[in-house]
Amino acid sequence: MRCPYCGHEDTQVKDSRPSDDASAIRRRRFCAACGNRFTTFERVQLRDLTVLKSDGRRVPFDRDKLLKSIRIACRKRPVEEERIERIVNAIQRRMEMEAEAEIPSRRIGEMVMEALREVDQVAYVRFASVYRNFNEAKDFQAFLGDLEAP
C-alpha cells in the first residue's frame, strides 16, 4: 500500500479489525519512510458495476460519490455515520445482486430515496430536491403533499 503522504510503497500494517458493521476490514498503517500513520479499508466487491447516466454515458460505479451525496443530504441531521455506511453498503449489495452489471443512475437515486425515507424525512426531501431537480417552491409543495399522503 502506497503512503498517501510521501508516496513510499512500503507501509506496515499495525492493526487490523472488522469495521463496526463487519462489511470491511479496517487497517491502521505506518509508513517507515515518513513516519505518518493512516487508515485503509478493505471491502468485498462481488463484481464491477457500471452506471448508465441519463445522457447515455457509462461510468464506473463510485461508492465514495454515493456516500458523499447521502452525507450531504443528512448533514446536520440526527443520522449517525454508521447508519449512512449501512445504507451505502445495502445499496451497493442490491446493485451487485441485480442481474445487470449496468445500473441506470435513476435506479440508484430511487434506492437512495427509499432508504432515506425510512431514516430521516428532512434528508429524504433534501436528496429528492437535487435528484428530481426542484426549481421552484411549488415543486417542494407538490413533493411534500405526496409525502404526507398515506
N, C-alpha and C. Protein backbone atom coordinates (compact mmCIF):
# COMPACT_ATOMS: atom_id res chain seq x y z
N MET A 1 0.86 -1.18 0.00
CA MET A 1 0.00 0.00 0.00
C MET A 1 0.90 1.23 0.00
N ARG A 2 0.63 2.14 -0.89
CA ARG A 2 1.41 3.35 -1.03
C ARG A 2 1.00 4.38 0.03
N CYS A 3 1.97 5.05 0.62
CA CYS A 3 1.71 6.08 1.63
C CYS A 3 1.07 7.30 0.96
N PRO A 4 -0.06 7.79 1.48
CA PRO A 4 -0.70 8.96 0.88
C PRO A 4 0.06 10.26 1.14
N TYR A 5 1.02 10.24 2.05
CA TYR A 5 1.77 11.45 2.40
C TYR A 5 3.03 11.60 1.55
N CYS A 6 3.83 10.53 1.46
CA CYS A 6 5.11 10.64 0.75
C CYS A 6 5.20 9.78 -0.50
N GLY A 7 4.24 8.86 -0.69
CA GLY A 7 4.23 8.01 -1.87
C GLY A 7 5.09 6.76 -1.75
N HIS A 8 5.74 6.58 -0.62
CA HIS A 8 6.57 5.39 -0.41
C HIS A 8 5.70 4.15 -0.48
N GLU A 9 6.19 3.10 -1.13
CA GLU A 9 5.36 1.91 -1.37
C GLU A 9 5.44 0.86 -0.28
N ASP A 10 6.31 1.04 0.68
CA ASP A 10 6.45 0.02 1.73
C ASP A 10 5.86 0.55 3.03
N THR A 11 4.62 0.17 3.32
CA THR A 11 3.98 0.56 4.58
C THR A 11 3.68 -0.70 5.38
N GLN A 12 3.58 -0.54 6.68
CA GLN A 12 3.35 -1.67 7.56
C GLN A 12 1.97 -1.59 8.19
N VAL A 13 1.30 -2.73 8.29
CA VAL A 13 0.01 -2.80 8.97
C VAL A 13 0.29 -2.94 10.45
N LYS A 14 -0.25 -2.02 11.25
CA LYS A 14 -0.06 -2.04 12.70
C LYS A 14 -1.24 -2.69 13.42
N ASP A 15 -2.45 -2.58 12.82
CA ASP A 15 -3.64 -3.12 13.47
C ASP A 15 -4.69 -3.40 12.41
N SER A 16 -5.37 -4.53 12.51
CA SER A 16 -6.48 -4.87 11.62
C SER A 16 -7.67 -5.29 12.47
N ARG A 17 -8.84 -4.82 12.08
CA ARG A 17 -10.07 -5.23 12.76
C ARG A 17 -11.24 -5.01 11.84
N PRO A 18 -12.34 -5.73 12.07
CA PRO A 18 -13.53 -5.52 11.25
C PRO A 18 -14.14 -4.14 11.53
N SER A 19 -14.76 -3.57 10.53
CA SER A 19 -15.46 -2.30 10.75
C SER A 19 -16.66 -2.57 11.64
N ASP A 20 -17.33 -1.51 12.07
CA ASP A 20 -18.45 -1.64 13.00
C ASP A 20 -19.55 -2.54 12.48
N ASP A 21 -19.82 -2.46 11.18
CA ASP A 21 -20.89 -3.29 10.63
C ASP A 21 -20.36 -4.56 9.97
N ALA A 22 -19.09 -4.86 10.16
CA ALA A 22 -18.44 -6.07 9.66
C ALA A 22 -18.48 -6.20 8.14
N SER A 23 -18.62 -5.10 7.43
CA SER A 23 -18.65 -5.15 5.98
C SER A 23 -17.28 -4.84 5.36
N ALA A 24 -16.31 -4.51 6.22
CA ALA A 24 -14.98 -4.16 5.73
C ALA A 24 -13.95 -4.47 6.82
N ILE A 25 -12.71 -4.51 6.40
CA ILE A 25 -11.59 -4.66 7.34
C ILE A 25 -10.91 -3.29 7.42
N ARG A 26 -10.77 -2.79 8.63
CA ARG A 26 -10.11 -1.51 8.87
C ARG A 26 -8.66 -1.80 9.24
N ARG A 27 -7.73 -1.17 8.52
CA ARG A 27 -6.31 -1.40 8.79
C ARG A 27 -5.63 -0.07 9.12
N ARG A 28 -4.94 -0.03 10.26
CA ARG A 28 -4.10 1.11 10.60
C ARG A 28 -2.72 0.80 10.06
N ARG A 29 -2.16 1.74 9.31
CA ARG A 29 -0.87 1.53 8.67
C ARG A 29 0.13 2.60 9.10
N PHE A 30 1.41 2.25 8.96
CA PHE A 30 2.51 3.11 9.34
C PHE A 30 3.51 3.14 8.19
N CYS A 31 3.94 4.34 7.83
CA CYS A 31 4.94 4.48 6.77
C CYS A 31 6.32 4.60 7.42
N ALA A 32 7.20 3.67 7.09
CA ALA A 32 8.56 3.68 7.64
C ALA A 32 9.38 4.85 7.09
N ALA A 33 9.04 5.32 5.90
CA ALA A 33 9.82 6.40 5.28
C ALA A 33 9.56 7.76 5.92
N CYS A 34 8.28 8.12 6.14
CA CYS A 34 7.98 9.45 6.66
C CYS A 34 7.42 9.43 8.09
N GLY A 35 7.05 8.24 8.57
CA GLY A 35 6.57 8.12 9.95
C GLY A 35 5.09 8.41 10.15
N ASN A 36 4.37 8.76 9.09
CA ASN A 36 2.94 9.05 9.22
C ASN A 36 2.12 7.77 9.34
N ARG A 37 0.94 7.91 9.96
CA ARG A 37 0.00 6.80 10.09
C ARG A 37 -1.25 7.14 9.29
N PHE A 38 -1.91 6.11 8.77
CA PHE A 38 -3.16 6.32 8.04
C PHE A 38 -3.99 5.05 8.11
N THR A 39 -5.25 5.17 7.74
CA THR A 39 -6.19 4.05 7.80
C THR A 39 -6.65 3.68 6.41
N THR A 40 -6.76 2.39 6.15
CA THR A 40 -7.34 1.90 4.90
C THR A 40 -8.49 0.96 5.23
N PHE A 41 -9.38 0.79 4.27
CA PHE A 41 -10.50 -0.13 4.42
C PHE A 41 -10.48 -1.10 3.26
N GLU A 42 -10.71 -2.35 3.55
CA GLU A 42 -10.76 -3.39 2.53
C GLU A 42 -12.18 -3.93 2.51
N ARG A 43 -12.84 -3.88 1.33
CA ARG A 43 -14.23 -4.33 1.19
C ARG A 43 -14.33 -5.41 0.13
N VAL A 44 -15.34 -6.23 0.26
CA VAL A 44 -15.63 -7.24 -0.75
C VAL A 44 -16.35 -6.57 -1.91
N GLN A 45 -15.92 -6.88 -3.11
CA GLN A 45 -16.59 -6.39 -4.31
C GLN A 45 -16.96 -7.61 -5.13
N LEU A 46 -18.26 -7.84 -5.27
CA LEU A 46 -18.72 -9.04 -5.98
C LEU A 46 -18.47 -8.95 -7.48
N ARG A 47 -18.68 -7.76 -8.04
CA ARG A 47 -18.40 -7.57 -9.47
C ARG A 47 -18.33 -6.08 -9.77
N ASP A 48 -17.75 -5.76 -10.92
CA ASP A 48 -17.66 -4.36 -11.33
C ASP A 48 -19.03 -3.88 -11.78
N LEU A 49 -19.39 -2.70 -11.34
CA LEU A 49 -20.67 -2.12 -11.71
C LEU A 49 -20.44 -0.89 -12.59
N THR A 50 -21.32 -0.69 -13.53
CA THR A 50 -21.27 0.47 -14.40
C THR A 50 -22.58 1.23 -14.24
N VAL A 51 -22.48 2.55 -14.13
CA VAL A 51 -23.66 3.40 -14.00
C VAL A 51 -23.98 3.97 -15.37
N LEU A 52 -25.23 3.80 -15.79
CA LEU A 52 -25.71 4.34 -17.05
C LEU A 52 -26.36 5.69 -16.75
N LYS A 53 -25.68 6.76 -17.15
CA LYS A 53 -26.16 8.11 -16.86
C LYS A 53 -27.32 8.47 -17.79
N SER A 54 -28.07 9.49 -17.40
CA SER A 54 -29.25 9.88 -18.19
C SER A 54 -28.88 10.39 -19.58
N ASP A 55 -27.64 10.88 -19.76
CA ASP A 55 -27.22 11.36 -21.08
C ASP A 55 -26.61 10.24 -21.94
N GLY A 56 -26.66 9.00 -21.43
CA GLY A 56 -26.16 7.86 -22.20
C GLY A 56 -24.74 7.44 -21.88
N ARG A 57 -24.01 8.26 -21.11
CA ARG A 57 -22.63 7.89 -20.75
C ARG A 57 -22.64 6.70 -19.80
N ARG A 58 -21.57 5.96 -19.84
CA ARG A 58 -21.37 4.84 -18.91
C ARG A 58 -20.12 5.14 -18.09
N VAL A 59 -20.27 5.14 -16.78
CA VAL A 59 -19.15 5.43 -15.89
C VAL A 59 -19.08 4.33 -14.82
N PRO A 60 -17.88 4.04 -14.33
CA PRO A 60 -17.76 3.05 -13.26
C PRO A 60 -18.49 3.53 -12.00
N PHE A 61 -19.10 2.60 -11.29
CA PHE A 61 -19.76 2.94 -10.03
C PHE A 61 -18.72 3.47 -9.05
N ASP A 62 -19.05 4.57 -8.38
CA ASP A 62 -18.16 5.20 -7.42
C ASP A 62 -18.84 5.21 -6.05
N ARG A 63 -18.45 4.29 -5.19
CA ARG A 63 -19.05 4.18 -3.86
C ARG A 63 -18.89 5.47 -3.07
N ASP A 64 -17.74 6.11 -3.20
CA ASP A 64 -17.48 7.35 -2.46
C ASP A 64 -18.43 8.47 -2.89
N LYS A 65 -18.78 8.52 -4.16
CA LYS A 65 -19.71 9.54 -4.64
C LYS A 65 -21.09 9.31 -4.02
N LEU A 66 -21.52 8.07 -3.95
CA LEU A 66 -22.80 7.74 -3.33
C LEU A 66 -22.77 8.11 -1.85
N LEU A 67 -21.70 7.76 -1.17
CA LEU A 67 -21.54 8.08 0.25
C LEU A 67 -21.60 9.59 0.48
N LYS A 68 -20.90 10.33 -0.35
CA LYS A 68 -20.86 11.79 -0.21
C LYS A 68 -22.25 12.40 -0.40
N SER A 69 -23.00 11.93 -1.38
CA SER A 69 -24.33 12.51 -1.64
C SER A 69 -25.28 12.23 -0.48
N ILE A 70 -25.17 11.06 0.13
CA ILE A 70 -26.03 10.75 1.28
C ILE A 70 -25.59 11.55 2.50
N ARG A 71 -24.29 11.72 2.68
CA ARG A 71 -23.80 12.55 3.79
C ARG A 71 -24.31 13.99 3.66
N ILE A 72 -24.30 14.52 2.46
CA ILE A 72 -24.78 15.88 2.25
C ILE A 72 -26.26 15.99 2.61
N ALA A 73 -27.05 15.02 2.18
CA ALA A 73 -28.48 15.03 2.49
C ALA A 73 -28.72 14.94 4.00
N CYS A 74 -27.85 14.23 4.69
CA CYS A 74 -28.01 14.00 6.14
C CYS A 74 -27.27 15.02 7.00
N ARG A 75 -26.63 15.99 6.38
CA ARG A 75 -25.85 16.97 7.13
C ARG A 75 -26.73 17.69 8.16
N LYS A 76 -26.21 17.79 9.37
CA LYS A 76 -26.89 18.46 10.50
C LYS A 76 -28.22 17.81 10.86
N ARG A 77 -28.32 16.54 10.58
CA ARG A 77 -29.50 15.74 10.94
C ARG A 77 -29.04 14.66 11.92
N PRO A 78 -29.95 14.12 12.72
CA PRO A 78 -29.55 13.11 13.70
C PRO A 78 -29.38 11.72 13.08
N VAL A 79 -28.54 11.64 12.06
CA VAL A 79 -28.28 10.37 11.40
C VAL A 79 -26.80 10.05 11.62
N GLU A 80 -26.55 8.93 12.27
CA GLU A 80 -25.17 8.56 12.60
C GLU A 80 -24.41 8.11 11.36
N GLU A 81 -23.11 8.34 11.38
CA GLU A 81 -22.24 7.94 10.26
C GLU A 81 -22.35 6.44 10.01
N GLU A 82 -22.47 5.66 11.06
CA GLU A 82 -22.60 4.21 10.92
C GLU A 82 -23.86 3.85 10.13
N ARG A 83 -24.94 4.59 10.37
CA ARG A 83 -26.19 4.34 9.63
C ARG A 83 -26.02 4.67 8.16
N ILE A 84 -25.32 5.75 7.87
CA ILE A 84 -25.06 6.14 6.48
C ILE A 84 -24.24 5.05 5.79
N GLU A 85 -23.22 4.54 6.47
CA GLU A 85 -22.40 3.46 5.91
C GLU A 85 -23.25 2.23 5.61
N ARG A 86 -24.17 1.89 6.52
CA ARG A 86 -25.03 0.72 6.30
C ARG A 86 -25.94 0.94 5.09
N ILE A 87 -26.43 2.16 4.90
CA ILE A 87 -27.28 2.47 3.74
C ILE A 87 -26.49 2.25 2.46
N VAL A 88 -25.28 2.80 2.41
CA VAL A 88 -24.44 2.68 1.22
C VAL A 88 -24.11 1.21 0.96
N ASN A 89 -23.75 0.48 2.00
CA ASN A 89 -23.43 -0.95 1.84
C ASN A 89 -24.64 -1.72 1.30
N ALA A 90 -25.81 -1.43 1.84
CA ALA A 90 -27.02 -2.13 1.40
C ALA A 90 -27.34 -1.83 -0.07
N ILE A 91 -27.21 -0.56 -0.46
CA ILE A 91 -27.47 -0.18 -1.85
C ILE A 91 -26.46 -0.86 -2.78
N GLN A 92 -25.20 -0.85 -2.39
CA GLN A 92 -24.17 -1.49 -3.23
C GLN A 92 -24.44 -2.99 -3.36
N ARG A 93 -24.81 -3.65 -2.28
CA ARG A 93 -25.12 -5.09 -2.34
C ARG A 93 -26.31 -5.35 -3.24
N ARG A 94 -27.35 -4.52 -3.14
CA ARG A 94 -28.52 -4.68 -4.01
C ARG A 94 -28.13 -4.58 -5.47
N MET A 95 -27.28 -3.61 -5.79
CA MET A 95 -26.85 -3.43 -7.17
C MET A 95 -26.01 -4.62 -7.64
N GLU A 96 -25.15 -5.13 -6.77
CA GLU A 96 -24.31 -6.26 -7.15
C GLU A 96 -25.14 -7.53 -7.35
N MET A 97 -26.26 -7.63 -6.66
CA MET A 97 -27.11 -8.81 -6.77
C MET A 97 -28.04 -8.77 -7.98
N GLU A 98 -28.24 -7.59 -8.56
CA GLU A 98 -29.11 -7.49 -9.73
C GLU A 98 -28.48 -8.19 -10.92
N ALA A 99 -29.32 -8.61 -11.82
CA ALA A 99 -28.85 -9.38 -12.97
C ALA A 99 -27.94 -8.57 -13.89
N GLU A 100 -28.22 -7.30 -14.03
CA GLU A 100 -27.46 -6.45 -14.95
C GLU A 100 -26.27 -5.80 -14.26
N ALA A 101 -25.16 -5.71 -14.94
CA ALA A 101 -23.98 -5.03 -14.41
C ALA A 101 -24.05 -3.53 -14.67
N GLU A 102 -24.95 -3.11 -15.58
CA GLU A 102 -25.17 -1.69 -15.84
C GLU A 102 -26.43 -1.26 -15.11
N ILE A 103 -26.27 -0.30 -14.22
CA ILE A 103 -27.38 0.17 -13.40
C ILE A 103 -27.69 1.61 -13.81
N PRO A 104 -28.94 1.90 -14.21
CA PRO A 104 -29.28 3.29 -14.54
C PRO A 104 -29.15 4.19 -13.30
N SER A 105 -28.64 5.39 -13.48
CA SER A 105 -28.44 6.30 -12.36
C SER A 105 -29.76 6.61 -11.65
N ARG A 106 -30.86 6.64 -12.40
CA ARG A 106 -32.15 6.92 -11.76
C ARG A 106 -32.56 5.79 -10.82
N ARG A 107 -32.14 4.56 -11.12
CA ARG A 107 -32.42 3.42 -10.23
C ARG A 107 -31.67 3.58 -8.91
N ILE A 108 -30.42 4.02 -8.99
CA ILE A 108 -29.63 4.26 -7.78
C ILE A 108 -30.29 5.37 -6.96
N GLY A 109 -30.71 6.44 -7.64
CA GLY A 109 -31.39 7.54 -6.94
C GLY A 109 -32.65 7.08 -6.23
N GLU A 110 -33.41 6.21 -6.87
CA GLU A 110 -34.63 5.68 -6.25
C GLU A 110 -34.29 4.84 -5.02
N MET A 111 -33.21 4.04 -5.10
CA MET A 111 -32.81 3.24 -3.95
C MET A 111 -32.41 4.14 -2.78
N VAL A 112 -31.70 5.23 -3.07
CA VAL A 112 -31.29 6.16 -2.02
C VAL A 112 -32.53 6.80 -1.40
N MET A 113 -33.47 7.21 -2.24
CA MET A 113 -34.68 7.84 -1.72
C MET A 113 -35.48 6.87 -0.84
N GLU A 114 -35.59 5.61 -1.24
CA GLU A 114 -36.27 4.61 -0.42
C GLU A 114 -35.62 4.51 0.96
N ALA A 115 -34.30 4.44 0.97
CA ALA A 115 -33.57 4.30 2.24
C ALA A 115 -33.72 5.54 3.10
N LEU A 116 -33.57 6.72 2.50
CA LEU A 116 -33.64 7.96 3.28
C LEU A 116 -35.04 8.22 3.81
N ARG A 117 -36.04 7.81 3.08
CA ARG A 117 -37.42 8.00 3.54
C ARG A 117 -37.64 7.28 4.87
N GLU A 118 -37.00 6.12 5.03
CA GLU A 118 -37.12 5.34 6.27
C GLU A 118 -36.28 5.93 7.41
N VAL A 119 -35.21 6.65 7.06
CA VAL A 119 -34.26 7.12 8.07
C VAL A 119 -34.58 8.52 8.58
N ASP A 120 -34.79 9.47 7.67
CA ASP A 120 -34.98 10.87 8.07
C ASP A 120 -35.70 11.60 6.94
N GLN A 121 -36.87 12.15 7.24
CA GLN A 121 -37.66 12.78 6.18
C GLN A 121 -37.03 14.06 5.65
N VAL A 122 -36.31 14.79 6.49
CA VAL A 122 -35.65 16.01 6.00
C VAL A 122 -34.54 15.63 5.01
N ALA A 123 -33.74 14.62 5.35
CA ALA A 123 -32.69 14.16 4.44
C ALA A 123 -33.32 13.64 3.14
N TYR A 124 -34.44 12.97 3.28
CA TYR A 124 -35.18 12.45 2.12
C TYR A 124 -35.58 13.60 1.19
N VAL A 125 -36.14 14.66 1.75
CA VAL A 125 -36.58 15.81 0.94
C VAL A 125 -35.37 16.52 0.33
N ARG A 126 -34.30 16.67 1.10
CA ARG A 126 -33.09 17.29 0.57
C ARG A 126 -32.56 16.53 -0.64
N PHE A 127 -32.45 15.21 -0.49
CA PHE A 127 -31.94 14.40 -1.60
C PHE A 127 -32.87 14.50 -2.80
N ALA A 128 -34.17 14.40 -2.55
CA ALA A 128 -35.16 14.45 -3.63
C ALA A 128 -35.10 15.79 -4.36
N SER A 129 -34.86 16.87 -3.64
CA SER A 129 -34.83 18.20 -4.28
C SER A 129 -33.71 18.30 -5.30
N VAL A 130 -32.59 17.64 -5.04
CA VAL A 130 -31.49 17.64 -6.00
C VAL A 130 -31.73 16.59 -7.07
N TYR A 131 -32.11 15.39 -6.64
CA TYR A 131 -32.31 14.27 -7.56
C TYR A 131 -33.40 14.57 -8.58
N ARG A 132 -34.49 15.16 -8.12
CA ARG A 132 -35.61 15.47 -9.02
C ARG A 132 -35.55 16.89 -9.57
N ASN A 133 -34.47 17.61 -9.24
CA ASN A 133 -34.21 18.92 -9.81
C ASN A 133 -35.33 19.93 -9.55
N PHE A 134 -35.67 20.12 -8.27
CA PHE A 134 -36.69 21.12 -7.92
C PHE A 134 -36.17 22.50 -8.28
N ASN A 135 -37.01 23.29 -8.95
CA ASN A 135 -36.61 24.63 -9.37
C ASN A 135 -37.38 25.73 -8.64
N GLU A 136 -38.56 25.41 -8.17
CA GLU A 136 -39.41 26.43 -7.55
C GLU A 136 -40.02 25.87 -6.26
N ALA A 137 -40.56 26.78 -5.46
CA ALA A 137 -41.18 26.39 -4.20
C ALA A 137 -42.35 25.43 -4.43
N LYS A 138 -43.06 25.62 -5.54
CA LYS A 138 -44.21 24.74 -5.79
C LYS A 138 -43.78 23.29 -6.01
N ASP A 139 -42.54 23.08 -6.48
CA ASP A 139 -42.02 21.72 -6.63
C ASP A 139 -41.91 21.05 -5.25
N PHE A 140 -41.42 21.82 -4.27
CA PHE A 140 -41.34 21.31 -2.90
C PHE A 140 -42.74 21.04 -2.35
N GLN A 141 -43.66 21.97 -2.59
CA GLN A 141 -45.03 21.81 -2.08
C GLN A 141 -45.68 20.54 -2.63
N ALA A 142 -45.52 20.31 -3.90
CA ALA A 142 -46.11 19.13 -4.51
C ALA A 142 -45.49 17.84 -3.93
N PHE A 143 -44.18 17.88 -3.77
CA PHE A 143 -43.47 16.71 -3.22
C PHE A 143 -43.89 16.47 -1.78
N LEU A 144 -43.97 17.52 -0.99
CA LEU A 144 -44.38 17.37 0.41
C LEU A 144 -45.82 16.91 0.52
N GLY A 145 -46.67 17.33 -0.42
CA GLY A 145 -48.05 16.85 -0.43
C GLY A 145 -48.10 15.36 -0.66
N ASP A 146 -47.25 14.87 -1.56
CA ASP A 146 -47.17 13.43 -1.81
C ASP A 146 -46.61 12.69 -0.59
N LEU A 147 -45.68 13.33 0.13
CA LEU A 147 -45.06 12.71 1.30
C LEU A 147 -46.07 12.52 2.42
N GLU A 148 -46.98 13.49 2.58
CA GLU A 148 -47.98 13.41 3.65
C GLU A 148 -49.09 12.42 3.33
N ALA A 149 -49.32 12.12 2.07
CA ALA A 149 -50.37 11.17 1.69
C ALA A 149 -49.99 9.78 2.19
N PRO A 150 -50.97 8.98 2.62
CA PRO A 150 -50.66 7.66 3.18
C PRO A 150 -50.07 6.70 2.22
